[in-house]
Amino acid sequence: MSPLPATLEAADLRALLTAPNPPRMLDVRTPAEFTAAHIPGSYNVPLDLLREHRAELSAHLDDVVLVCRTGNRAAHAEHALAEVGMANVHVLAGGILAWEAAGAPLSRGRARWDLERQVRLVAGALVLLGVLGGLVAPALVWLAGVIGAGLTVAALTNTCLMGTMLARLPFNRAPACDAVDVVELLRDGRS
C-alpha cells in the first residue's frame, strides 16, 4: 500500500475505516466539543494534553488521523507528533465540519458551543465593552485595542490564547480526559 497523504478527505477516511487495519483517530478538540459530536471510534485527546504527553502517546500509535473542528488544531497536533518522530500522521481535511458535510456518521451527545464561537462571543463582548465603556471612562477604549491586537496576533500565528484559556473553563473540560486513561484505551484498542 502506498503512503497516505498528509491530509485526508472525508471520503478517503471513510474508506480507510472499513479496511482491515484502520488508522486510529485522535480528536484534539475539547472534551465538551467531543461529547457534542465526534466520529465513532475516535479517541478524545485534547490538543494541550497531546502536546504534553506526545512522546508517551506516540509509543502506542502507528498510523493516526488527527481530527478537530476545521483542521487547524489537528495541524498543530500533527506538528507536535512530528517533533517526537511520528511519521504516519494525517489530518482530516476540513475536520468534523467536512466529515458532517460529506454525510459521514457522527456520534452526538449534549450540544455545546464550539470553541471558535466562544472566542467570537468573548472577543466581541470585550470590544463592545471597551468602546461603550470608553464613553464614560476613555481609558477603556484601550481594551478594544488590546483585543484587536490579540486577534491580529492570533491570525498571524495561527494560534489563539483566548481559545486556549476558554478551553480550560469547566464548561469545556467535562467530562475529564487524562493521559493515563487515553494511553490505556490506546493500548487495549478500545475507544
Protein backbone atom coordinates (compact mmCIF):
# COMPACT_ATOMS: atom_id res chain seq x y z
CA MET A 1 0.00 0.00 0.00
CA SER A 2 1.36 3.45 -0.87
CA PRO A 3 1.84 6.02 1.90
CA LEU A 4 -1.18 8.13 2.72
CA PRO A 5 -1.13 11.89 2.07
CA ALA A 6 -0.64 14.26 5.00
CA THR A 7 -4.27 15.37 4.70
CA LEU A 8 -7.18 13.04 4.04
CA GLU A 9 -10.55 13.94 2.59
CA ALA A 10 -13.63 12.66 4.41
CA ALA A 11 -14.41 10.10 1.67
CA ASP A 12 -10.86 8.71 1.82
CA LEU A 13 -11.01 8.38 5.60
CA ARG A 14 -14.37 6.61 5.39
CA ALA A 15 -12.82 4.07 3.02
CA LEU A 16 -9.80 3.60 5.31
CA LEU A 17 -12.04 2.96 8.31
CA THR A 18 -13.55 -0.07 6.59
CA ALA A 19 -10.11 -1.51 5.72
CA PRO A 20 -8.67 -4.45 7.71
CA ASN A 21 -6.24 -2.26 9.72
CA PRO A 22 -7.87 1.16 10.01
CA PRO A 23 -5.86 4.08 11.39
CA ARG A 24 -6.51 5.35 14.90
CA MET A 25 -8.36 8.65 15.04
CA LEU A 26 -7.42 11.21 17.66
CA ASP A 27 -9.88 14.07 18.10
CA VAL A 28 -7.91 17.01 19.52
CA ARG A 29 -10.90 19.20 20.39
CA THR A 30 -12.02 19.94 23.94
CA PRO A 31 -13.90 17.18 25.80
CA ALA A 32 -17.09 19.27 25.57
CA GLU A 33 -16.77 19.61 21.78
CA PHE A 34 -16.00 15.88 21.51
CA THR A 35 -19.05 14.99 23.61
CA ALA A 36 -21.29 17.16 21.42
CA ALA A 37 -20.29 15.33 18.20
CA HIS A 38 -17.45 13.02 17.20
CA ILE A 39 -16.54 10.36 14.67
CA PRO A 40 -17.46 6.93 16.05
CA GLY A 41 -14.35 5.08 17.20
CA SER A 42 -12.24 8.20 17.70
CA TYR A 43 -10.31 8.95 20.88
CA ASN A 44 -10.52 12.33 22.58
CA VAL A 45 -7.02 13.69 23.20
CA PRO A 46 -7.32 17.49 23.62
CA LEU A 47 -4.51 19.41 21.93
CA ASP A 48 -2.92 20.58 25.20
CA LEU A 49 -2.93 17.01 26.55
CA LEU A 50 -1.45 15.69 23.29
CA ARG A 51 1.33 18.29 23.34
CA GLU A 52 2.19 17.50 26.96
CA HIS A 53 2.19 13.69 26.52
CA ARG A 54 3.10 13.33 22.82
CA ALA A 55 6.08 11.04 23.38
CA GLU A 56 4.07 8.70 25.60
CA LEU A 57 1.10 8.70 23.20
CA SER A 58 3.25 8.14 20.11
CA ALA A 59 4.58 4.91 21.64
CA HIS A 60 1.06 3.46 21.29
CA LEU A 61 0.31 4.73 17.79
CA ASP A 62 1.31 3.56 14.33
CA ASP A 63 -0.96 5.19 11.78
CA VAL A 64 -3.07 8.05 13.12
CA VAL A 65 -5.57 10.54 11.73
CA LEU A 66 -5.99 13.77 13.67
CA VAL A 67 -9.40 15.42 13.81
CA CYS A 68 -10.68 18.78 15.05
CA ARG A 69 -13.44 21.17 14.01
CA THR A 70 -11.81 22.57 10.85
CA GLY A 71 -8.33 21.02 10.65
CA ASN A 72 -6.42 23.87 12.31
CA ARG A 73 -5.86 22.31 15.75
CA ALA A 74 -5.22 18.95 14.09
CA ALA A 75 -2.41 20.56 12.07
CA HIS A 76 -0.86 21.83 15.31
CA ALA A 77 -1.16 18.31 16.76
CA GLU A 78 0.48 16.86 13.62
CA HIS A 79 3.44 19.19 14.14
CA ALA A 80 3.71 18.20 17.81
CA LEU A 81 3.75 14.48 16.95
CA ALA A 82 6.27 15.04 14.16
CA GLU A 83 8.60 16.62 16.74
CA VAL A 84 8.77 13.24 18.53
CA GLY A 85 9.41 11.34 15.30
CA MET A 86 5.95 10.11 14.31
CA ALA A 87 5.78 9.75 10.54
CA ASN A 88 2.35 8.22 9.82
CA VAL A 89 0.31 11.20 10.97
CA HIS A 90 -2.54 12.56 8.87
CA VAL A 91 -5.09 15.35 9.27
CA LEU A 92 -8.75 15.12 8.29
CA ALA A 93 -9.06 17.99 5.79
CA GLY A 94 -11.82 20.32 6.91
CA GLY A 95 -12.26 18.47 10.21
CA ILE A 96 -15.61 17.47 11.67
CA LEU A 97 -17.33 20.10 9.54
CA ALA A 98 -16.15 18.40 6.32
CA TRP A 99 -16.94 14.95 7.77
CA GLU A 100 -20.50 16.03 8.55
CA ALA A 101 -20.91 17.79 5.17
CA ALA A 102 -19.93 14.50 3.46
CA GLY A 103 -22.82 12.78 5.23
CA ALA A 104 -20.48 10.62 7.31
CA PRO A 105 -21.73 9.24 10.64
CA LEU A 106 -21.30 11.17 13.88
CA SER A 107 -21.94 10.15 17.47
CA ARG A 108 -23.84 13.00 19.08
CA GLY A 109 -24.22 14.00 22.70
CA ARG A 110 -25.16 17.17 24.52
CA ALA A 111 -24.85 20.15 22.16
CA ARG A 112 -22.35 22.82 23.18
CA TRP A 113 -20.86 25.84 21.50
CA ASP A 114 -17.68 25.28 19.51
CA LEU A 115 -14.58 26.90 20.95
CA GLU A 116 -14.33 29.22 17.94
CA ARG A 117 -17.85 30.52 18.61
CA GLN A 118 -17.00 31.10 22.27
CA VAL A 119 -13.92 33.12 21.24
CA ARG A 120 -16.03 35.29 18.92
CA LEU A 121 -18.56 35.92 21.72
CA VAL A 122 -15.97 36.87 24.34
CA ALA A 123 -13.83 38.96 21.96
CA GLY A 124 -16.87 40.79 20.60
CA ALA A 125 -18.26 41.45 24.07
CA LEU A 126 -14.91 42.81 25.29
CA VAL A 127 -14.56 45.10 22.26
CA LEU A 128 -18.13 46.35 22.73
CA LEU A 129 -17.46 46.90 26.44
CA GLY A 130 -14.28 48.82 25.62
CA VAL A 131 -15.98 51.09 23.07
CA LEU A 132 -19.15 51.76 25.07
CA GLY A 133 -17.27 51.99 28.37
CA GLY A 134 -14.89 54.42 26.68
CA LEU A 135 -17.75 56.91 26.57
CA VAL A 136 -17.72 57.01 30.37
CA ALA A 137 -14.07 56.18 31.08
CA PRO A 138 -11.96 57.00 27.97
CA ALA A 139 -9.15 54.64 29.03
CA LEU A 140 -11.48 51.65 28.45
CA VAL A 141 -11.12 52.20 24.69
CA TRP A 142 -7.70 50.57 25.10
CA LEU A 143 -9.48 47.31 25.97
CA ALA A 144 -10.88 47.22 22.44
CA GLY A 145 -7.38 47.90 21.09
CA VAL A 146 -5.82 45.10 23.14
CA ILE A 147 -8.45 42.62 21.98
CA GLY A 148 -7.95 43.74 18.36
CA ALA A 149 -4.19 43.29 18.73
CA GLY A 150 -4.72 39.83 20.25
CA LEU A 151 -6.96 38.78 17.36
CA THR A 152 -4.37 40.06 14.88
CA VAL A 153 -1.60 38.05 16.56
CA ALA A 154 -3.90 35.01 16.65
CA ALA A 155 -4.44 35.27 12.90
CA LEU A 156 -0.76 35.82 12.09
CA THR A 157 0.49 32.97 14.29
CA ASN A 158 -2.47 30.64 13.70
CA THR A 159 -2.84 30.23 17.47
CA CYS A 160 -5.38 31.62 19.91
CA LEU A 161 -4.53 32.47 23.51
CA MET A 162 -8.17 33.29 24.27
CA GLY A 163 -9.26 29.92 22.88
CA THR A 164 -6.64 28.15 24.99
CA MET A 165 -7.89 29.98 28.09
CA LEU A 166 -11.56 29.26 27.30
CA ALA A 167 -10.76 25.57 26.75
CA ARG A 168 -9.72 25.38 30.41
CA LEU A 169 -13.10 26.52 31.73
CA PRO A 170 -15.19 23.82 33.45
CA PHE A 171 -17.82 24.07 30.68
CA ASN A 172 -15.23 22.93 28.13
CA ARG A 173 -13.40 20.39 30.29
CA ALA A 174 -16.16 17.99 31.27
CA PRO A 175 -16.03 15.03 31.08
CA ALA A 176 -12.48 14.66 32.32
CA CYS A 177 -9.83 13.38 29.93
CA ASP A 178 -6.34 12.44 31.11
CA ALA A 179 -3.25 10.91 29.52
CA VAL A 180 -3.24 7.74 31.66
CA ASP A 181 -6.80 6.85 30.56
CA VAL A 182 -6.08 7.64 26.91
CA VAL A 183 -2.89 5.54 26.87
CA GLU A 184 -4.78 2.64 28.47
CA LEU A 185 -7.52 2.88 25.83
CA LEU A 186 -4.95 3.02 23.01
CA ARG A 187 -3.01 0.06 24.40
CA ASP A 188 -6.17 -2.02 24.79
CA GLY A 189 -7.56 -0.93 21.41
CA ARG A 190 -10.79 0.37 22.93
CA SER A 191 -12.49 3.68 22.16
